[in-house]
Amino acid sequence: MTLPKLQKSILSLKSWLFTPATKSDRFTRAVNVGAGALIIDLEDAVAPSAKKEARATALRYLAEVPADHLPYALRINSPDTRFGFDDLQALLSSSGDPDYLVLPKCGSSALIGLVRNLLQEAGKTAQIIALIESAKGVGALDEIARGDAKPAALIFGAADMAADLGAKTAWEPLLWVRSRIVQAAASAGIAALDSPYFDIGNTEGLRQETEASASLGFHGKCAIHPAQIAIINEVLTPSEQQVAEARQILVVNQKGVGSVDHQMVDEAVARKARLVLERAGIAVEK
């Protein structure tokens, strides 16, 4: 069956929880901990010997979820690998239709276009999210983000990117790549989602990195453990004060250039206010 697509803006989905497809008993944790979306993972979290079983488990689950489900994303293996080809073929012939399809190691707009066309031919409505985790992907960022087959979002993959660059998996060595992803996403008007924070026990480190991600312009952040969701949501959700100020800015802006709390309001400030409201899940007119 084809499920009705969710109307919630992807910009309002703060936390994206990766869960191995072999652990279907853990899928409901995403709802229980308040995650914005669940990413069912067929790639890195699944051993080669378990790929077939994981694929069947994921597609069976996606075929049975209710209409009011949490947003679901399916990360397949790269389509240019045997496992990825099998993942895509199985999805196209199944009744499952995730909200989002995550393409790992995305390095070209052509790949997105190919997968999009196959999805459409099969009657699927899943939107594509490009996972940027290679030097090649960074080099093709503008093409990927602004091509005819524009993805719904870009995700930064820090671990694979660090390995590809020979860099340390830390904030500063990868800051330039993060900045490029945010810039490319902003220029295309799509969402930018940051990589997971890998030190599960370091809650303060997670908070600091999430705050840095938000300051840089990321709309959401991925997680690899349910315990990380609350902090990500807290940091990335606009406060009541920020929402009230954004509303006031838009009211003032309708009258022309003005001020709010002694700060000048013009169209640039209003654009940021609209983004605050959209990230809070509040629909606004452009």
C-alpha atoms as a PDB file:
ATOM      1  CA  MET A   1       0.000   0.000   0.000  1.00  0.00           C
ATOM      2  CA  THR A   2       1.081   3.600  -0.539  1.00  0.00           C
ATOM      3  CA  LEU A   3       0.862   5.682   2.603  1.00  0.00           C
ATOM      4  CA  PRO A   4      -0.215   9.335   2.592  1.00  0.00           C
ATOM      5  CA  LYS A   5       2.799  11.597   2.876  1.00  0.00           C
ATOM      6  CA  LEU A   6       3.312  13.745   5.918  1.00  0.00           C
ATOM      7  CA  GLN A   7       2.715  17.487   5.640  1.00  0.00           C
ATOM      8  CA  LYS A   8       5.233  18.442   8.309  1.00  0.00           C
ATOM      9  CA  SER A   9       8.117  20.510   6.944  1.00  0.00           C
ATOM     10  CA  ILE A  10      11.443  18.728   6.945  1.00  0.00           C
ATOM     11  CA  LEU A  11      12.920  21.924   8.403  1.00  0.00           C
ATOM     12  CA  SER A  12      10.966  21.292  11.601  1.00  0.00           C
ATOM     13  CA  LEU A  13      12.411  17.784  12.126  1.00  0.00           C
ATOM     14  CA  LYS A  14      15.270  18.341  14.561  1.00  0.00           C
ATOM     15  CA  SER A  15      16.409  14.856  15.546  1.00  0.00           C
ATOM     16  CA  TRP A  16      16.921  11.878  13.216  1.00  0.00           C
ATOM     17  CA  LEU A  17      17.544   8.571  14.999  1.00  0.00           C
ATOM     18  CA  PHE A  18      19.535   5.891  13.174  1.00  0.00           C
ATOM     19  CA  THR A  19      18.390   2.370  14.058  1.00  0.00           C
ATOM     20  CA  PRO A  20      19.727  -0.871  12.511  1.00  0.00           C
ATOM     21  CA  ALA A  21      17.141  -2.607  10.334  1.00  0.00           C
ATOM     22  CA  THR A  22      17.972  -5.846  12.144  1.00  0.00           C
ATOM     23  CA  LYS A  23      16.570  -4.362  15.381  1.00  0.00           C
ATOM     24  CA  SER A  24      12.886  -3.885  14.523  1.00  0.00           C
ATOM     25  CA  ASP A  25      12.002  -4.093  18.221  1.00  0.00           C
ATOM     26  CA  ARG A  26      13.809  -0.755  18.623  1.00  0.00           C
ATOM     27  CA  PHE A  27      11.937   1.159  15.917  1.00  0.00           C
ATOM     28  CA  THR A  28       9.258   2.333  18.352  1.00  0.00           C
ATOM     29  CA  ARG A  29      11.918   3.893  20.577  1.00  0.00           C
ATOM     30  CA  ALA A  30      12.103   6.793  18.144  1.00  0.00           C
ATOM     31  CA  VAL A  31       8.521   7.702  19.032  1.00  0.00           C
ATOM     32  CA  ASN A  32       8.986   7.051  22.747  1.00  0.00           C
ATOM     33  CA  VAL A  33      12.004   9.355  23.066  1.00  0.00           C
ATOM     34  CA  GLY A  34      10.502  12.120  20.912  1.00  0.00           C
ATOM     35  CA  ALA A  35      12.689  11.805  17.814  1.00  0.00           C
ATOM     36  CA  GLY A  36      11.649  13.911  14.857  1.00  0.00           C
ATOM     37  CA  ALA A  37      12.267  11.056  12.422  1.00  0.00           C
ATOM     38  CA  LEU A  38      13.522   7.476  12.347  1.00  0.00           C
ATOM     39  CA  ILE A  39      16.232   6.362   9.907  1.00  0.00           C
ATOM     40  CA  ILE A  40      16.039   2.606   9.371  1.00  0.00           C
ATOM     41  CA  ASP A  41      19.580   1.644   8.428  1.00  0.00           C
ATOM     42  CA  LEU A  42      20.481  -1.063   5.913  1.00  0.00           C
ATOM     43  CA  GLU A  43      24.051   0.141   5.409  1.00  0.00           C
ATOM     44  CA  ASP A  44      26.800   0.636   8.012  1.00  0.00           C
ATOM     45  CA  ALA A  45      24.851  -0.761  10.977  1.00  0.00           C
ATOM     46  CA  VAL A  46      24.212  -4.092   9.262  1.00  0.00           C
ATOM     47  CA  ALA A  47      26.825  -6.803   8.705  1.00  0.00           C
ATOM     48  CA  PRO A  48      27.088  -8.250   5.166  1.00  0.00           C
ATOM     49  CA  SER A  49      25.790 -11.595   6.397  1.00  0.00           C
ATOM     50  CA  ALA A  50      22.635  -9.914   7.748  1.00  0.00           C
ATOM     51  CA  LYS A  51      21.813  -7.652   4.782  1.00  0.00           C
ATOM     52  CA  LYS A  52      19.130  -9.884   3.284  1.00  0.00           C
ATOM     53  CA  GLU A  53      17.320 -10.375   6.584  1.00  0.00           C
ATOM     54  CA  ALA A  54      17.574  -6.665   7.429  1.00  0.00           C
ATOM     55  CA  ARG A  55      16.154  -5.676   4.043  1.00  0.00           C
ATOM     56  CA  ALA A  56      13.140  -7.957   4.465  1.00  0.00           C
ATOM     57  CA  THR A  57      12.552  -6.723   8.021  1.00  0.00           C
ATOM     58  CA  ALA A  58      12.685  -3.048   7.026  1.00  0.00           C
ATOM     59  CA  LEU A  59      10.361  -3.380   4.047  1.00  0.00           C
ATOM     60  CA  ARG A  60       7.877  -5.496   5.984  1.00  0.00           C
ATOM     61  CA  TYR A  61       7.765  -2.829   8.686  1.00  0.00           C
ATOM     62  CA  LEU A  62       7.385   0.028   6.204  1.00  0.00           C
ATOM     63  CA  ALA A  63       4.486  -1.743   4.534  1.00  0.00           C
ATOM     64  CA  GLU A  64       2.527  -1.903   7.782  1.00  0.00           C
ATOM     65  CA  VAL A  65       3.036   1.479   9.484  1.00  0.00           C
ATOM     66  CA  PRO A  66      -0.117   3.536  10.183  1.00  0.00           C
ATOM     67  CA  ALA A  67      -1.057   6.700   8.312  1.00  0.00           C
ATOM     68  CA  ASP A  68      -0.215   8.924  11.302  1.00  0.00           C
ATOM     69  CA  HIS A  69       3.285   7.489  11.613  1.00  0.00           C
ATOM     70  CA  LEU A  70       6.471   9.236  12.615  1.00  0.00           C
ATOM     71  CA  PRO A  71       8.440  10.327   9.530  1.00  0.00           C
ATOM     72  CA  TYR A  72      10.490   7.336   8.341  1.00  0.00           C
ATOM     73  CA  ALA A  73      13.664   7.350   6.292  1.00  0.00           C
ATOM     74  CA  LEU A  74      15.315   4.260   4.840  1.00  0.00           C
ATOM     75  CA  ARG A  75      19.066   4.318   4.328  1.00  0.00           C
ATOM     76  CA  ILE A  76      19.953   1.789   1.685  1.00  0.00           C
ATOM     77  CA  ASN A  77      23.436   0.728   0.669  1.00  0.00           C
ATOM     78  CA  SER A  78      24.975   2.700  -2.169  1.00  0.00           C
ATOM     79  CA  PRO A  79      23.080   1.832  -5.395  1.00  0.00           C
ATOM     80  CA  ASP A  80      26.376   1.264  -7.198  1.00  0.00           C
ATOM     81  CA  THR A  81      27.114  -1.743  -4.956  1.00  0.00           C
ATOM     82  CA  ARG A  82      25.554  -5.211  -5.067  1.00  0.00           C
ATOM     83  CA  PHE A  83      23.859  -4.730  -1.695  1.00  0.00           C
ATOM     84  CA  GLY A  84      22.529  -1.327  -2.723  1.00  0.00           C
ATOM     85  CA  PHE A  85      21.213  -2.654  -6.029  1.00  0.00           C
ATOM     86  CA  ASP A  86      19.392  -5.406  -4.148  1.00  0.00           C
ATOM     87  CA  ASP A  87      18.027  -2.881  -1.616  1.00  0.00           C
ATOM     88  CA  LEU A  88      16.656  -0.631  -4.329  1.00  0.00           C
ATOM     89  CA  GLN A  89      15.184  -3.479  -6.364  1.00  0.00           C
ATOM     90  CA  ALA A  90      13.456  -4.894  -3.281  1.00  0.00           C
ATOM     91  CA  LEU A  91      12.045  -1.476  -2.331  1.00  0.00           C
ATOM     92  CA  LEU A  92      10.702  -0.850  -5.836  1.00  0.00           C
ATOM     93  CA  SER A  93       8.862  -4.179  -5.892  1.00  0.00           C
ATOM     94  CA  SER A  94       7.548  -3.924  -2.325  1.00  0.00           C
ATOM     95  CA  SER A  95       4.479  -2.167  -0.919  1.00  0.00           C
ATOM     96  CA  GLY A  96       6.647  -0.104   1.447  1.00  0.00           C
ATOM     97  CA  ASP A  97       7.071   3.595   0.734  1.00  0.00           C
ATOM     98  CA  PRO A  98       9.231   5.502   3.255  1.00  0.00           C
ATOM     99  CA  ASP A  99       8.890   9.256   3.574  1.00  0.00           C
ATOM    100  CA  TYR A 100      12.574   9.641   2.743  1.00  0.00           C
ATOM    101  CA  LEU A 101      15.214   7.509   1.044  1.00  0.00           C
ATOM    102  CA  VAL A 102      18.781   8.205   2.184  1.00  0.00           C
ATOM    103  CA  LEU A 103      21.440   7.676  -0.495  1.00  0.00           C
ATOM    104  CA  PRO A 104      24.864   7.065   1.100  1.00  0.00           C
ATOM    105  CA  LYS A 105      28.145   8.267  -0.395  1.00  0.00           C
ATOM    106  CA  CYS A 106      26.256  10.436  -2.849  1.00  0.00           C
ATOM    107  CA  GLY A 107      28.638  11.899  -5.397  1.00  0.00           C
ATOM    108  CA  SER A 108      26.500  13.135  -8.270  1.00  0.00           C
ATOM    109  CA  SER A 109      23.145  14.577  -9.235  1.00  0.00           C
ATOM    110  CA  ALA A 110      22.885  11.859 -11.886  1.00  0.00           C
ATOM    111  CA  LEU A 111      22.587   9.178  -9.203  1.00  0.00           C
ATOM    112  CA  ILE A 112      19.774  11.098  -7.493  1.00  0.00           C
ATOM    113  CA  GLY A 113      17.988  11.532 -10.811  1.00  0.00           C
ATOM    114  CA  LEU A 114      18.260   7.839 -11.630  1.00  0.00           C
ATOM    115  CA  VAL A 115      16.897   6.740  -8.260  1.00  0.00           C
ATOM    116  CA  ARG A 116      14.143   9.367  -8.333  1.00  0.00           C
ATOM    117  CA  ASN A 117      12.964   8.178 -11.753  1.00  0.00           C
ATOM    118  CA  LEU A 118      12.903   4.566 -10.601  1.00  0.00           C
ATOM    119  CA  LEU A 119      10.884   5.516  -7.519  1.00  0.00           C
ATOM    120  CA  GLN A 120       8.373   7.447  -9.591  1.00  0.00           C
ATOM    121  CA  GLU A 121       7.983   4.608 -12.099  1.00  0.00           C
ATOM    122  CA  ALA A 122       7.232   2.274  -9.191  1.00  0.00           C
ATOM    123  CA  GLY A 123       4.633   4.679  -7.777  1.00  0.00           C
ATOM    124  CA  LYS A 124       6.757   5.609  -4.762  1.00  0.00           C
ATOM    125  CA  THR A 125       6.594   9.095  -3.286  1.00  0.00           C
ATOM    126  CA  ALA A 126       9.694   8.896  -1.080  1.00  0.00           C
ATOM    127  CA  GLN A 127      11.828  12.033  -1.162  1.00  0.00           C
ATOM    128  CA  ILE A 128      15.577  11.581  -1.539  1.00  0.00           C
ATOM    129  CA  ILE A 129      18.124  12.722   1.031  1.00  0.00           C
ATOM    130  CA  ALA A 130      21.743  12.875  -0.144  1.00  0.00           C
ATOM    131  CA  LEU A 131      24.370  11.722   2.356  1.00  0.00           C
ATOM    132  CA  ILE A 132      27.556  13.721   1.755  1.00  0.00           C
ATOM    133  CA  GLU A 133      30.478  11.730   3.148  1.00  0.00           C
ATOM    134  CA  SER A 134      33.271  11.764   0.566  1.00  0.00           C
ATOM    135  CA  ALA A 135      35.654  14.221  -1.055  1.00  0.00           C
ATOM    136  CA  LYS A 136      33.889  13.519  -4.341  1.00  0.00           C
ATOM    137  CA  GLY A 137      30.564  14.434  -2.772  1.00  0.00           C
ATOM    138  CA  VAL A 138      31.925  17.744  -1.516  1.00  0.00           C
ATOM    139  CA  GLY A 139      33.288  18.516  -4.977  1.00  0.00           C
ATOM    140  CA  ALA A 140      29.847  17.910  -6.480  1.00  0.00           C
ATOM    141  CA  LEU A 141      27.846  19.694  -3.762  1.00  0.00           C
ATOM    142  CA  ASP A 142      26.453  22.495  -5.917  1.00  0.00           C
ATOM    143  CA  GLU A 143      25.472  20.051  -8.658  1.00  0.00           C
ATOM    144  CA  ILE A 144      23.838  17.724  -6.114  1.00  0.00           C
ATOM    145  CA  ALA A 145      21.967  20.423  -4.216  1.00  0.00           C
ATOM    146  CA  ARG A 146      20.762  22.435  -7.206  1.00  0.00           C
ATOM    147  CA  GLY A 147      20.366  19.814  -9.930  1.00  0.00           C
ATOM    148  CA  ASP A 148      17.123  18.994 -11.693  1.00  0.00           C
ATOM    149  CA  ALA A 149      16.684  16.090  -9.290  1.00  0.00           C
ATOM    150  CA  LYS A 150      17.069  18.240  -6.189  1.00  0.00           C
ATOM    151  CA  PRO A 151      17.127  16.248  -2.917  1.00  0.00           C
ATOM    152  CA  ALA A 152      14.951  17.157   0.066  1.00  0.00           C
ATOM    153  CA  ALA A 153      18.015  17.499   2.282  1.00  0.00           C
ATOM    154  CA  LEU A 154      21.743  16.962   2.656  1.00  0.00           C
ATOM    155  CA  ILE A 155      23.150  14.905   5.542  1.00  0.00           C
ATOM    156  CA  PHE A 156      26.774  15.265   6.585  1.00  0.00           C
ATOM    157  CA  GLY A 157      28.548  11.957   7.234  1.00  0.00           C
ATOM    158  CA  ALA A 158      31.478  12.836   9.479  1.00  0.00           C
ATOM    159  CA  ALA A 159      33.040   9.392   9.996  1.00  0.00           C
ATOM    160  CA  ASP A 160      33.356   8.430   6.333  1.00  0.00           C
ATOM    161  CA  MET A 161      34.354  11.970   5.397  1.00  0.00           C
ATOM    162  CA  ALA A 162      37.173  11.970   7.951  1.00  0.00           C
ATOM    163  CA  ALA A 163      38.388   8.615   6.643  1.00  0.00           C
ATOM    164  CA  ASP A 164      38.260   9.851   3.048  1.00  0.00           C
ATOM    165  CA  LEU A 165      40.174  13.032   3.867  1.00  0.00           C
ATOM    166  CA  GLY A 166      42.580  11.420   6.325  1.00  0.00           C
ATOM    167  CA  ALA A 167      41.331  13.902   8.918  1.00  0.00           C
ATOM    168  CA  LYS A 168      40.430  13.562  12.576  1.00  0.00           C
ATOM    169  CA  THR A 169      36.745  13.013  13.327  1.00  0.00           C
ATOM    170  CA  ALA A 170      36.400  16.247  15.282  1.00  0.00           C
ATOM    171  CA  TRP A 171      34.666  19.582  14.847  1.00  0.00           C
ATOM    172  CA  GLU A 172      37.531  21.818  13.720  1.00  0.00           C
ATOM    173  CA  PRO A 173      39.105  19.543  11.059  1.00  0.00           C
ATOM    174  CA  LEU A 174      35.688  19.068   9.442  1.00  0.00           C
ATOM    175  CA  LEU A 175      34.341  22.591   9.927  1.00  0.00           C
ATOM    176  CA  TRP A 176      34.991  23.666   6.340  1.00  0.00           C
ATOM    177  CA  VAL A 177      33.067  20.697   4.957  1.00  0.00           C
ATOM    178  CA  ARG A 178      30.161  21.354   7.315  1.00  0.00           C
ATOM    179  CA  SER A 179      30.124  24.995   6.219  1.00  0.00           C
ATOM    180  CA  ARG A 180      30.072  24.005   2.545  1.00  0.00           C
ATOM    181  CA  ILE A 181      27.142  21.647   3.116  1.00  0.00           C
ATOM    182  CA  VAL A 182      25.159  24.352   4.918  1.00  0.00           C
ATOM    183  CA  GLN A 183      25.954  26.865   2.169  1.00  0.00           C
ATOM    184  CA  ALA A 184      24.987  24.473  -0.624  1.00  0.00           C
ATOM    185  CA  ALA A 185      21.737  23.531   1.126  1.00  0.00           C
ATOM    186  CA  ALA A 186      20.848  27.170   1.770  1.00  0.00           C
ATOM    187  CA  SER A 187      21.508  28.153  -1.842  1.00  0.00           C
ATOM    188  CA  ALA A 188      19.143  25.394  -2.991  1.00  0.00           C
ATOM    189  CA  GLY A 189      16.500  26.031  -0.335  1.00  0.00           C
ATOM    190  CA  ILE A 190      16.742  22.546   1.174  1.00  0.00           C
ATOM    191  CA  ALA A 191      17.438  21.214   4.672  1.00  0.00           C
ATOM    192  CA  ALA A 192      20.908  20.520   6.087  1.00  0.00           C
ATOM    193  CA  LEU A 193      21.268  17.754   8.694  1.00  0.00           C
ATOM    194  CA  ASP A 194      24.423  17.307  10.748  1.00  0.00           C
ATOM    195  CA  SER A 195      26.281  14.089  11.440  1.00  0.00           C
ATOM    196  CA  PRO A 196      25.704  12.113  14.653  1.00  0.00           C
ATOM    197  CA  TYR A 197      27.902  12.753  17.678  1.00  0.00           C
ATOM    198  CA  PHE A 198      29.690   9.471  18.249  1.00  0.00           C
ATOM    199  CA  ASP A 199      30.688   9.665  21.947  1.00  0.00           C
ATOM    200  CA  ILE A 200      27.410   8.359  23.358  1.00  0.00           C
ATOM    201  CA  GLY A 201      28.342   8.903  27.004  1.00  0.00           C
ATOM    202  CA  ASN A 202      29.505  12.512  26.583  1.00  0.00           C
ATOM    203  CA  THR A 203      26.296  14.501  26.947  1.00  0.00           C
ATOM    204  CA  GLU A 204      28.089  17.820  27.362  1.00  0.00           C
ATOM    205  CA  GLY A 205      30.067  17.198  24.183  1.00  0.00           C
ATOM    206  CA  LEU A 206      26.818  16.416  22.367  1.00  0.00           C
ATOM    207  CA  ARG A 207      25.248  19.640  23.611  1.00  0.00           C
ATOM    208  CA  GLN A 208      28.248  21.730  22.567  1.00  0.00           C
ATOM    209  CA  GLU A 209      28.400  20.183  19.099  1.00  0.00           C
ATOM    210  CA  THR A 210      24.633  20.539  18.583  1.00  0.00           C
ATOM    211  CA  GLU A 211      24.809  24.198  19.603  1.00  0.00           C
ATOM    212  CA  ALA A 212      27.686  24.690  17.163  1.00  0.00           C
ATOM    213  CA  SER A 213      25.672  22.943  14.442  1.00  0.00           C
ATOM    214  CA  ALA A 214      22.702  25.213  15.073  1.00  0.00           C
ATOM    215  CA  SER A 215      24.927  28.303  15.016  1.00  0.00           C
ATOM    216  CA  LEU A 216      26.360  27.198  11.688  1.00  0.00           C
ATOM    217  CA  GLY A 217      22.908  26.823  10.137  1.00  0.00           C
ATOM    218  CA  PHE A 218      22.039  23.121  10.320  1.00  0.00           C
ATOM    219  CA  HIS A 219      18.317  22.443  10.645  1.00  0.00           C
ATOM    220  CA  GLY A 220      18.644  19.057  12.332  1.00  0.00           C
ATOM    221  CA  LYS A 221      21.111  16.563  13.732  1.00  0.00           C
ATOM    222  CA  CYS A 222      21.314  12.808  13.493  1.00  0.00           C
ATOM    223  CA  ALA A 223      21.672  10.522  16.497  1.00  0.00           C
ATOM    224  CA  ILE A 224      22.918   6.982  17.019  1.00  0.00           C
ATOM    225  CA  HIS A 225      21.359   6.423  20.449  1.00  0.00           C
ATOM    226  CA  PRO A 226      17.916   7.282  21.884  1.00  0.00           C
ATOM    227  CA  ALA A 227      19.554   9.021  24.853  1.00  0.00           C
ATOM    228  CA  GLN A 228      20.867  11.717  22.496  1.00  0.00           C
ATOM    229  CA  ILE A 229      17.440  12.813  21.252  1.00  0.00           C
ATOM    230  CA  ALA A 230      16.352  14.983  24.189  1.00  0.00           C
ATOM    231  CA  ILE A 231      19.441  17.213  24.037  1.00  0.00           C
ATOM    232  CA  ILE A 232      19.243  17.589  20.252  1.00  0.00           C
ATOM    233  CA  ASN A 233      15.567  18.556  20.469  1.00  0.00           C
ATOM    234  CA  GLU A 234      16.199  21.005  23.298  1.00  0.00           C
ATOM    235  CA  VAL A 235      19.010  22.799  21.502  1.00  0.00           C
ATOM    236  CA  LEU A 236      17.389  22.930  18.059  1.00  0.00           C
ATOM    237  CA  THR A 237      13.827  23.774  19.086  1.00  0.00           C
ATOM    238  CA  PRO A 238      13.184  27.543  19.127  1.00  0.00           C
ATOM    239  CA  SER A 239      12.203  28.787  22.585  1.00  0.00           C
ATOM    240  CA  GLU A 240       8.859  30.433  23.317  1.00  0.00           C
ATOM    241  CA  GLN A 241      10.675  33.759  23.511  1.00  0.00           C
ATOM    242  CA  GLN A 242      12.293  33.226  20.102  1.00  0.00           C
ATOM    243  CA  VAL A 243       8.935  32.298  18.573  1.00  0.00           C
ATOM    244  CA  ALA A 244       7.207  35.340  20.100  1.00  0.00           C
ATOM    245  CA  GLU A 245       9.988  37.631  18.874  1.00  0.00           C
ATOM    246  CA  ALA A 246       9.811  36.110  15.374  1.00  0.00           C
ATOM    247  CA  ARG A 247       6.063  36.727  15.235  1.00  0.00           C
ATOM    248  CA  GLN A 248       6.562  40.317  16.350  1.00  0.00           C
ATOM    249  CA  ILE A 249       9.250  40.852  13.726  1.00  0.00           C
ATOM    250  CA  LEU A 250       6.913  39.696  10.962  1.00  0.00           C
ATOM    251  CA  VAL A 251       4.142  41.992  12.171  1.00  0.00           C
ATOM    252  CA  VAL A 252       6.509  44.966  12.167  1.00  0.00           C
ATOM    253  CA  ASN A 253       7.971  43.987   8.793  1.00  0.00           C
ATOM    254  CA  GLN A 254       4.543  44.132   7.136  1.00  0.00           C
ATOM    255  CA  LYS A 255       4.545  47.871   7.851  1.00  0.00           C
ATOM    256  CA  GLY A 256       7.984  48.431   6.319  1.00  0.00           C
ATOM    257  CA  VAL A 257      11.323  48.987   8.040  1.00  0.00           C
ATOM    258  CA  GLY A 258      10.888  49.237  11.806  1.00  0.00           C
ATOM    259  CA  SER A 259      12.399  47.961  15.056  1.00  0.00           C
ATOM    260  CA  VAL A 260      11.845  45.313  17.711  1.00  0.00           C
ATOM    261  CA  ASP A 261      13.584  45.708  21.084  1.00  0.00           C
ATOM    262  CA  HIS A 262      15.662  48.548  19.607  1.00  0.00           C
ATOM    263  CA  GLN A 263      16.907  46.296  16.779  1.00  0.00           C
ATOM    264  CA  MET A 264      16.223  47.280  13.170  1.00  0.00           C
ATOM    265  CA  VAL A 265      13.800  45.049  11.268  1.00  0.00           C
ATOM    266  CA  ASP A 266      14.071  44.720   7.509  1.00  0.00           C
ATOM    267  CA  GLU A 267      13.418  41.911   5.030  1.00  0.00           C
ATOM    268  CA  ALA A 268      16.679  40.101   5.908  1.00  0.00           C
ATOM    269  CA  VAL A 269      15.664  39.988   9.570  1.00  0.00           C
ATOM    270  CA  ALA A 270      12.157  38.898   8.560  1.00  0.00           C
ATOM    271  CA  ARG A 271      13.561  36.018   6.512  1.00  0.00           C
ATOM    272  CA  LYS A 272      15.349  34.704   9.572  1.00  0.00           C
ATOM    273  CA  ALA A 273      12.179  35.121  11.642  1.00  0.00           C
ATOM    274  CA  ARG A 274      10.240  33.010   9.117  1.00  0.00           C
ATOM    275  CA  LEU A 275      12.893  30.310   9.412  1.00  0.00           C
ATOM    276  CA  VAL A 276      12.582  30.327  13.213  1.00  0.00           C
ATOM    277  CA  LEU A 277       8.832  29.766  12.930  1.00  0.00           C
ATOM    278  CA  GLU A 278       9.252  27.055  10.300  1.00  0.00           C
ATOM    279  CA  ARG A 279      11.763  25.260  12.495  1.00  0.00           C
ATOM    280  CA  ALA A 280       9.218  25.491  15.307  1.00  0.00           C
ATOM    281  CA  GLY A 281       6.687  23.760  13.054  1.00  0.00           C
ATOM    282  CA  ILE A 282       4.614  26.914  12.534  1.00  0.00           C
ATOM    283  CA  ALA A 283       3.445  27.545   8.970  1.00  0.00           C
ATOM    284  CA  VAL A 284       4.120  31.067   7.710  1.00  0.00           C
ATOM    285  CA  GLU A 285       3.464  32.847   4.452  1.00  0.00           C
ATOM    286  CA  LYS A 286       6.575  33.685   2.462  1.00  0.00           C
END
